[in-house]
Amino acid sequence: MLEEEKVRTPQTIKGIITTAKAMLEADSQFFTGKDGHRRCIQGRYIEPNEEPSYQVFVKKAIVREPEGKLTVGDAFHRYYQFCRDNQMAPLSRQEFKSLVAEVIREEYQLGLRHDVLDERGKQTHGWLGIDCRLAEEPCFGRN
């Protein structure tokens, strides 16, 4: 096999693409600032100065509340409403959990806990000391 043919194998090309993606994502400044590059997420182009929906949600909807508690489930439900109301594409629940946990840690110095009680008294993932200021819309099928 010639040297050129080795480079063109699907396995080699896939490895090159994976390495390139990792290098671009490792430099957070690549997508930010006035000289930042546009990126495509789920078919929608994100401009370099545009913040992702989950960051906007935390900044506009989450507030420090000493007696507050916010479960991941409740936060996602309200995030989904927030995205719908603001014509933003929402993340999946799994993506939301890890990304919002990171932003809440940065903004409020609170880590994701595993002992927050939900409305039924069952322990679940969430945060103590914050709350969501958005009014919850009635959701059929929820108790």
N, C-alpha and C. Protein backbone atom coordinates (compact mmCIF):
# COMPACT_ATOMS: atom_id res chain seq x y z
N MET A 1 0.85 -1.18 0.00
CA MET A 1 0.00 0.00 0.00
C MET A 1 0.89 1.24 0.00
N LEU A 2 0.61 2.15 -0.86
CA LEU A 2 1.38 3.38 -0.93
C LEU A 2 1.09 4.24 0.29
N GLU A 3 2.01 5.15 0.58
CA GLU A 3 1.86 6.05 1.74
C GLU A 3 0.59 6.88 1.62
N GLU A 4 0.27 7.35 0.39
CA GLU A 4 -0.94 8.16 0.17
C GLU A 4 -2.20 7.37 0.49
N GLU A 5 -2.24 6.11 0.13
CA GLU A 5 -3.41 5.27 0.35
C GLU A 5 -3.63 5.02 1.84
N LYS A 6 -2.56 4.94 2.64
CA LYS A 6 -2.68 4.75 4.07
C LYS A 6 -3.37 5.94 4.72
N VAL A 7 -3.08 7.14 4.24
CA VAL A 7 -3.66 8.36 4.81
C VAL A 7 -5.15 8.44 4.50
N ARG A 8 -5.57 7.85 3.41
CA ARG A 8 -6.95 7.96 2.97
C ARG A 8 -7.88 6.88 3.52
N THR A 9 -7.41 6.02 4.37
CA THR A 9 -8.30 4.99 4.91
C THR A 9 -9.32 5.65 5.85
N PRO A 10 -10.53 5.12 5.90
CA PRO A 10 -11.57 5.72 6.76
C PRO A 10 -11.13 5.82 8.22
N GLN A 11 -10.42 4.84 8.71
CA GLN A 11 -9.96 4.84 10.10
C GLN A 11 -8.98 5.98 10.35
N THR A 12 -8.05 6.21 9.43
CA THR A 12 -7.07 7.29 9.57
C THR A 12 -7.75 8.65 9.48
N ILE A 13 -8.66 8.81 8.55
CA ILE A 13 -9.37 10.07 8.37
C ILE A 13 -10.21 10.39 9.61
N LYS A 14 -10.87 9.37 10.14
CA LYS A 14 -11.68 9.57 11.35
C LYS A 14 -10.79 10.01 12.52
N GLY A 15 -9.61 9.43 12.64
CA GLY A 15 -8.67 9.81 13.69
C GLY A 15 -8.20 11.25 13.55
N ILE A 16 -7.95 11.67 12.33
CA ILE A 16 -7.53 13.05 12.08
C ILE A 16 -8.63 14.02 12.45
N ILE A 17 -9.85 13.72 12.06
CA ILE A 17 -10.99 14.59 12.37
C ILE A 17 -11.22 14.67 13.87
N THR A 18 -11.16 13.54 14.56
CA THR A 18 -11.35 13.53 16.02
C THR A 18 -10.29 14.38 16.72
N THR A 19 -9.04 14.25 16.29
CA THR A 19 -7.96 15.05 16.88
C THR A 19 -8.18 16.53 16.62
N ALA A 20 -8.59 16.89 15.41
CA ALA A 20 -8.82 18.30 15.07
C ALA A 20 -9.95 18.88 15.92
N LYS A 21 -11.03 18.13 16.09
CA LYS A 21 -12.15 18.60 16.92
C LYS A 21 -11.70 18.81 18.36
N ALA A 22 -10.93 17.89 18.88
CA ALA A 22 -10.45 18.00 20.26
C ALA A 22 -9.56 19.23 20.42
N MET A 23 -8.73 19.49 19.44
CA MET A 23 -7.84 20.66 19.52
C MET A 23 -8.64 21.95 19.50
N LEU A 24 -9.66 22.04 18.66
CA LEU A 24 -10.46 23.25 18.58
C LEU A 24 -11.26 23.47 19.86
N GLU A 25 -11.81 22.41 20.42
CA GLU A 25 -12.61 22.54 21.64
C GLU A 25 -11.75 22.77 22.87
N ALA A 26 -10.48 22.43 22.80
CA ALA A 26 -9.60 22.63 23.94
C ALA A 26 -9.31 24.11 24.15
N ASP A 27 -9.37 24.90 23.09
CA ASP A 27 -9.13 26.34 23.18
C ASP A 27 -10.48 27.04 23.20
N SER A 28 -10.95 27.42 24.40
CA SER A 28 -12.28 28.04 24.54
C SER A 28 -12.37 29.37 23.80
N GLN A 29 -11.24 30.03 23.59
CA GLN A 29 -11.25 31.32 22.91
C GLN A 29 -11.51 31.18 21.40
N PHE A 30 -11.43 29.98 20.87
CA PHE A 30 -11.65 29.76 19.44
C PHE A 30 -13.05 30.21 19.03
N PHE A 31 -14.04 30.02 19.91
CA PHE A 31 -15.42 30.33 19.58
C PHE A 31 -15.93 31.62 20.23
N THR A 32 -15.08 32.40 20.89
CA THR A 32 -15.55 33.58 21.60
C THR A 32 -14.85 34.84 21.12
N GLY A 33 -15.42 35.97 21.48
CA GLY A 33 -14.82 37.26 21.17
C GLY A 33 -15.12 37.75 19.76
N LYS A 34 -14.63 38.94 19.46
CA LYS A 34 -14.94 39.55 18.16
C LYS A 34 -14.30 38.78 17.00
N ASP A 35 -13.22 38.08 17.26
CA ASP A 35 -12.56 37.30 16.22
C ASP A 35 -12.90 35.81 16.30
N GLY A 36 -13.90 35.47 17.13
CA GLY A 36 -14.29 34.08 17.29
C GLY A 36 -14.95 33.52 16.05
N HIS A 37 -15.02 32.21 15.99
CA HIS A 37 -15.59 31.52 14.84
C HIS A 37 -17.01 31.05 15.14
N ARG A 38 -17.84 31.05 14.10
CA ARG A 38 -19.21 30.52 14.26
C ARG A 38 -19.12 29.01 14.43
N ARG A 39 -20.11 28.45 15.12
CA ARG A 39 -20.18 27.00 15.24
C ARG A 39 -21.61 26.55 15.00
N CYS A 40 -21.75 25.33 14.59
CA CYS A 40 -23.07 24.78 14.28
C CYS A 40 -23.41 23.75 15.34
N ILE A 41 -24.52 23.98 16.05
CA ILE A 41 -24.99 23.04 17.07
C ILE A 41 -26.42 22.67 16.72
N GLN A 42 -26.64 21.40 16.46
CA GLN A 42 -27.96 20.86 16.12
C GLN A 42 -28.60 21.64 14.97
N GLY A 43 -27.80 21.92 13.94
CA GLY A 43 -28.32 22.58 12.75
C GLY A 43 -28.51 24.08 12.87
N ARG A 44 -28.15 24.67 13.99
CA ARG A 44 -28.32 26.11 14.20
C ARG A 44 -26.94 26.74 14.39
N TYR A 45 -26.66 27.81 13.64
CA TYR A 45 -25.37 28.48 13.76
C TYR A 45 -25.38 29.41 14.97
N ILE A 46 -24.34 29.30 15.78
CA ILE A 46 -24.17 30.11 16.98
C ILE A 46 -23.07 31.12 16.70
N GLU A 47 -23.41 32.38 16.84
CA GLU A 47 -22.42 33.44 16.63
C GLU A 47 -21.46 33.46 17.83
N PRO A 48 -20.23 33.93 17.65
CA PRO A 48 -19.24 33.89 18.73
C PRO A 48 -19.64 34.66 19.99
N ASN A 49 -20.40 35.72 19.86
CA ASN A 49 -20.76 36.51 21.03
C ASN A 49 -22.08 36.08 21.65
N GLU A 50 -22.74 35.10 21.08
CA GLU A 50 -24.02 34.61 21.58
C GLU A 50 -23.78 33.54 22.65
N GLU A 51 -24.40 33.71 23.81
CA GLU A 51 -24.25 32.72 24.88
C GLU A 51 -25.21 31.56 24.66
N PRO A 52 -24.81 30.37 25.06
CA PRO A 52 -25.70 29.21 24.94
C PRO A 52 -26.93 29.37 25.83
N SER A 53 -28.00 28.69 25.46
CA SER A 53 -29.28 28.82 26.17
C SER A 53 -29.16 28.49 27.65
N TYR A 54 -28.36 27.50 28.01
CA TYR A 54 -28.26 27.11 29.42
C TYR A 54 -27.57 28.20 30.24
N GLN A 55 -26.60 28.91 29.67
CA GLN A 55 -25.95 30.01 30.40
C GLN A 55 -26.90 31.18 30.57
N VAL A 56 -27.66 31.50 29.53
CA VAL A 56 -28.65 32.58 29.61
C VAL A 56 -29.69 32.23 30.67
N PHE A 57 -30.13 30.98 30.69
CA PHE A 57 -31.12 30.53 31.68
C PHE A 57 -30.60 30.74 33.10
N VAL A 58 -29.40 30.30 33.38
CA VAL A 58 -28.85 30.44 34.74
C VAL A 58 -28.74 31.92 35.11
N LYS A 59 -28.26 32.75 34.21
CA LYS A 59 -28.07 34.17 34.52
C LYS A 59 -29.39 34.91 34.72
N LYS A 60 -30.42 34.54 33.95
CA LYS A 60 -31.69 35.27 34.04
C LYS A 60 -32.71 34.66 34.99
N ALA A 61 -32.63 33.36 35.23
CA ALA A 61 -33.69 32.69 35.96
C ALA A 61 -33.31 32.16 37.33
N ILE A 62 -32.04 31.90 37.58
CA ILE A 62 -31.61 31.31 38.84
C ILE A 62 -31.16 32.42 39.79
N VAL A 63 -31.66 32.37 41.02
CA VAL A 63 -31.30 33.37 42.03
C VAL A 63 -30.86 32.67 43.31
N ARG A 64 -30.00 33.36 44.06
CA ARG A 64 -29.59 32.83 45.36
C ARG A 64 -30.75 33.00 46.32
N GLU A 65 -31.09 31.93 47.01
CA GLU A 65 -32.19 31.92 47.98
C GLU A 65 -31.73 31.04 49.14
N PRO A 66 -31.41 31.64 50.30
CA PRO A 66 -30.84 30.85 51.40
C PRO A 66 -31.65 29.60 51.77
N GLU A 67 -32.95 29.69 51.71
CA GLU A 67 -33.79 28.53 52.05
C GLU A 67 -34.26 27.78 50.81
N GLY A 68 -33.76 28.16 49.65
CA GLY A 68 -34.22 27.57 48.40
C GLY A 68 -33.65 26.20 48.11
N LYS A 69 -34.37 25.48 47.28
CA LYS A 69 -33.88 24.21 46.77
C LYS A 69 -34.38 24.06 45.35
N LEU A 70 -33.55 23.49 44.52
CA LEU A 70 -33.88 23.33 43.11
C LEU A 70 -33.41 21.96 42.66
N THR A 71 -34.34 21.13 42.24
CA THR A 71 -33.97 19.80 41.75
C THR A 71 -33.61 19.92 40.27
N VAL A 72 -32.84 18.98 39.78
CA VAL A 72 -32.48 18.97 38.37
C VAL A 72 -33.73 18.85 37.51
N GLY A 73 -34.67 18.01 37.94
CA GLY A 73 -35.91 17.83 37.18
C GLY A 73 -36.70 19.12 37.06
N ASP A 74 -36.85 19.84 38.17
CA ASP A 74 -37.58 21.10 38.14
C ASP A 74 -36.82 22.14 37.32
N ALA A 75 -35.51 22.18 37.47
CA ALA A 75 -34.69 23.13 36.71
C ALA A 75 -34.83 22.86 35.21
N PHE A 76 -34.80 21.58 34.82
CA PHE A 76 -34.92 21.26 33.39
C PHE A 76 -36.30 21.63 32.86
N HIS A 77 -37.34 21.34 33.65
CA HIS A 77 -38.70 21.69 33.23
C HIS A 77 -38.81 23.19 32.96
N ARG A 78 -38.27 23.99 33.85
CA ARG A 78 -38.33 25.45 33.69
C ARG A 78 -37.40 25.94 32.58
N TYR A 79 -36.27 25.29 32.43
CA TYR A 79 -35.35 25.61 31.33
C TYR A 79 -36.04 25.37 29.98
N TYR A 80 -36.75 24.25 29.89
CA TYR A 80 -37.45 23.92 28.66
C TYR A 80 -38.50 25.00 28.33
N GLN A 81 -39.25 25.44 29.36
CA GLN A 81 -40.23 26.53 29.19
C GLN A 81 -39.51 27.80 28.73
N PHE A 82 -38.39 28.10 29.39
CA PHE A 82 -37.61 29.30 29.08
C PHE A 82 -37.18 29.28 27.61
N CYS A 83 -36.68 28.15 27.14
CA CYS A 83 -36.26 28.04 25.74
C CYS A 83 -37.44 28.20 24.79
N ARG A 84 -38.55 27.57 25.13
CA ARG A 84 -39.76 27.68 24.30
C ARG A 84 -40.23 29.13 24.23
N ASP A 85 -40.26 29.81 25.37
CA ASP A 85 -40.72 31.20 25.42
C ASP A 85 -39.79 32.16 24.70
N ASN A 86 -38.50 31.82 24.61
CA ASN A 86 -37.51 32.70 23.99
C ASN A 86 -37.01 32.20 22.64
N GLN A 87 -37.74 31.26 22.04
CA GLN A 87 -37.40 30.70 20.73
C GLN A 87 -35.94 30.24 20.66
N MET A 88 -35.53 29.49 21.68
CA MET A 88 -34.18 28.93 21.73
C MET A 88 -34.28 27.41 21.64
N ALA A 89 -33.28 26.80 21.07
CA ALA A 89 -33.26 25.34 20.98
C ALA A 89 -32.78 24.77 22.31
N PRO A 90 -33.61 23.95 22.98
CA PRO A 90 -33.19 23.39 24.28
C PRO A 90 -32.24 22.21 24.11
N LEU A 91 -31.45 22.00 25.14
CA LEU A 91 -30.56 20.84 25.20
C LEU A 91 -31.36 19.62 25.62
N SER A 92 -30.78 18.44 25.48
CA SER A 92 -31.40 17.25 26.05
C SER A 92 -31.21 17.31 27.56
N ARG A 93 -31.98 16.52 28.29
CA ARG A 93 -31.90 16.55 29.75
C ARG A 93 -30.50 16.16 30.24
N GLN A 94 -29.90 15.18 29.62
CA GLN A 94 -28.57 14.73 30.04
C GLN A 94 -27.52 15.81 29.80
N GLU A 95 -27.57 16.47 28.64
CA GLU A 95 -26.63 17.56 28.36
C GLU A 95 -26.86 18.71 29.34
N PHE A 96 -28.13 19.01 29.59
CA PHE A 96 -28.51 20.10 30.49
C PHE A 96 -27.91 19.91 31.87
N LYS A 97 -28.05 18.72 32.42
CA LYS A 97 -27.60 18.45 33.78
C LYS A 97 -26.12 18.77 33.96
N SER A 98 -25.27 18.26 33.10
CA SER A 98 -23.83 18.48 33.28
C SER A 98 -23.43 19.92 32.99
N LEU A 99 -23.99 20.53 31.96
CA LEU A 99 -23.61 21.89 31.61
C LEU A 99 -24.11 22.92 32.62
N VAL A 100 -25.35 22.77 33.07
CA VAL A 100 -25.90 23.72 34.06
C VAL A 100 -25.20 23.54 35.40
N ALA A 101 -24.87 22.32 35.76
CA ALA A 101 -24.14 22.10 37.01
C ALA A 101 -22.82 22.86 37.00
N GLU A 102 -22.15 22.89 35.86
CA GLU A 102 -20.88 23.61 35.73
C GLU A 102 -21.09 25.12 35.86
N VAL A 103 -22.12 25.66 35.22
CA VAL A 103 -22.39 27.11 35.28
C VAL A 103 -22.81 27.51 36.69
N ILE A 104 -23.65 26.71 37.35
CA ILE A 104 -24.07 27.01 38.72
C ILE A 104 -22.88 26.97 39.67
N ARG A 105 -21.97 26.05 39.44
CA ARG A 105 -20.76 25.98 40.27
C ARG A 105 -19.94 27.26 40.10
N GLU A 106 -19.82 27.74 38.88
CA GLU A 106 -19.05 28.97 38.62
C GLU A 106 -19.76 30.21 39.17
N GLU A 107 -21.06 30.31 38.97
CA GLU A 107 -21.82 31.51 39.36
C GLU A 107 -22.10 31.58 40.86
N TYR A 108 -22.43 30.44 41.47
CA TYR A 108 -22.88 30.42 42.86
C TYR A 108 -22.00 29.61 43.81
N GLN A 109 -20.94 29.00 43.29
CA GLN A 109 -20.05 28.16 44.08
C GLN A 109 -20.83 27.04 44.79
N LEU A 110 -21.77 26.45 44.07
CA LEU A 110 -22.57 25.35 44.61
C LEU A 110 -22.39 24.12 43.72
N GLY A 111 -22.11 23.00 44.35
CA GLY A 111 -21.98 21.76 43.62
C GLY A 111 -23.31 21.03 43.55
N LEU A 112 -23.43 20.15 42.60
CA LEU A 112 -24.61 19.32 42.44
C LEU A 112 -24.66 18.31 43.59
N ARG A 113 -25.77 18.28 44.29
CA ARG A 113 -25.94 17.37 45.43
C ARG A 113 -26.82 16.20 45.02
N HIS A 114 -26.77 15.16 45.82
CA HIS A 114 -27.57 13.97 45.54
C HIS A 114 -28.59 13.70 46.64
N ASP A 115 -28.81 14.70 47.51
CA ASP A 115 -29.69 14.49 48.66
C ASP A 115 -30.78 15.57 48.78
N VAL A 116 -31.12 16.21 47.68
CA VAL A 116 -32.17 17.24 47.69
C VAL A 116 -33.51 16.53 47.60
N LEU A 117 -34.42 16.90 48.48
CA LEU A 117 -35.73 16.25 48.50
C LEU A 117 -36.66 16.87 47.46
N ASP A 118 -37.32 16.02 46.68
CA ASP A 118 -38.30 16.52 45.71
C ASP A 118 -39.66 16.68 46.39
N GLU A 119 -40.69 17.01 45.60
CA GLU A 119 -42.01 17.27 46.19
C GLU A 119 -42.63 16.04 46.84
N ARG A 120 -42.14 14.86 46.52
CA ARG A 120 -42.65 13.62 47.14
C ARG A 120 -41.82 13.18 48.33
N GLY A 121 -40.76 13.94 48.64
CA GLY A 121 -39.89 13.59 49.77
C GLY A 121 -38.80 12.61 49.41
N LYS A 122 -38.61 12.35 48.13
CA LYS A 122 -37.59 11.41 47.67
C LYS A 122 -36.30 12.18 47.36
N GLN A 123 -35.15 11.59 47.73
CA GLN A 123 -33.87 12.23 47.45
C GLN A 123 -33.56 12.17 45.96
N THR A 124 -33.09 13.30 45.45
CA THR A 124 -32.76 13.41 44.03
C THR A 124 -31.61 14.38 43.85
N HIS A 125 -31.18 14.59 42.62
CA HIS A 125 -30.08 15.51 42.33
C HIS A 125 -30.61 16.94 42.29
N GLY A 126 -29.81 17.87 42.80
CA GLY A 126 -30.21 19.27 42.78
C GLY A 126 -29.26 20.14 43.57
N TRP A 127 -29.74 21.34 43.94
CA TRP A 127 -28.93 22.32 44.64
C TRP A 127 -29.72 22.91 45.80
N LEU A 128 -29.04 23.19 46.89
CA LEU A 128 -29.63 23.91 48.02
C LEU A 128 -29.03 25.31 48.02
N GLY A 129 -29.88 26.32 48.31
CA GLY A 129 -29.39 27.69 48.37
C GLY A 129 -29.67 28.51 47.13
N ILE A 130 -30.35 27.92 46.14
CA ILE A 130 -30.77 28.67 44.96
C ILE A 130 -32.19 28.27 44.60
N ASP A 131 -32.82 29.10 43.78
CA ASP A 131 -34.16 28.80 43.31
C ASP A 131 -34.32 29.40 41.92
N CYS A 132 -35.40 29.03 41.26
CA CYS A 132 -35.69 29.55 39.93
C CYS A 132 -36.77 30.61 40.07
N ARG A 133 -36.53 31.78 39.50
CA ARG A 133 -37.50 32.88 39.63
C ARG A 133 -38.61 32.80 38.61
N LEU A 134 -38.53 31.89 37.65
CA LEU A 134 -39.58 31.75 36.65
C LEU A 134 -40.78 31.04 37.25
N ALA A 135 -41.97 31.54 36.96
CA ALA A 135 -43.18 30.88 37.44
C ALA A 135 -43.35 29.58 36.69
N GLU A 136 -43.73 28.56 37.41
CA GLU A 136 -43.92 27.25 36.78
C GLU A 136 -45.31 27.19 36.17
N GLU A 137 -45.36 26.79 34.90
CA GLU A 137 -46.65 26.62 34.24
C GLU A 137 -47.23 25.27 34.67
N PRO A 138 -48.56 25.18 34.72
CA PRO A 138 -49.17 23.89 35.06
C PRO A 138 -48.73 22.83 34.05
N CYS A 139 -48.41 21.68 34.56
CA CYS A 139 -47.98 20.59 33.70
C CYS A 139 -48.89 19.41 33.95
N PHE A 140 -49.68 19.05 32.97
CA PHE A 140 -50.62 17.96 33.16
C PHE A 140 -49.88 16.65 33.37
N GLY A 141 -50.33 15.87 34.30
CA GLY A 141 -49.70 14.60 34.60
C GLY A 141 -48.71 14.68 35.75
N ARG A 142 -48.42 15.87 36.25
CA ARG A 142 -47.51 15.99 37.41
C ARG A 142 -48.34 16.09 38.66
N ASN A 143 -47.87 15.47 39.72
CA ASN A 143 -48.57 15.53 41.01
C ASN A 143 -47.96 16.59 41.88
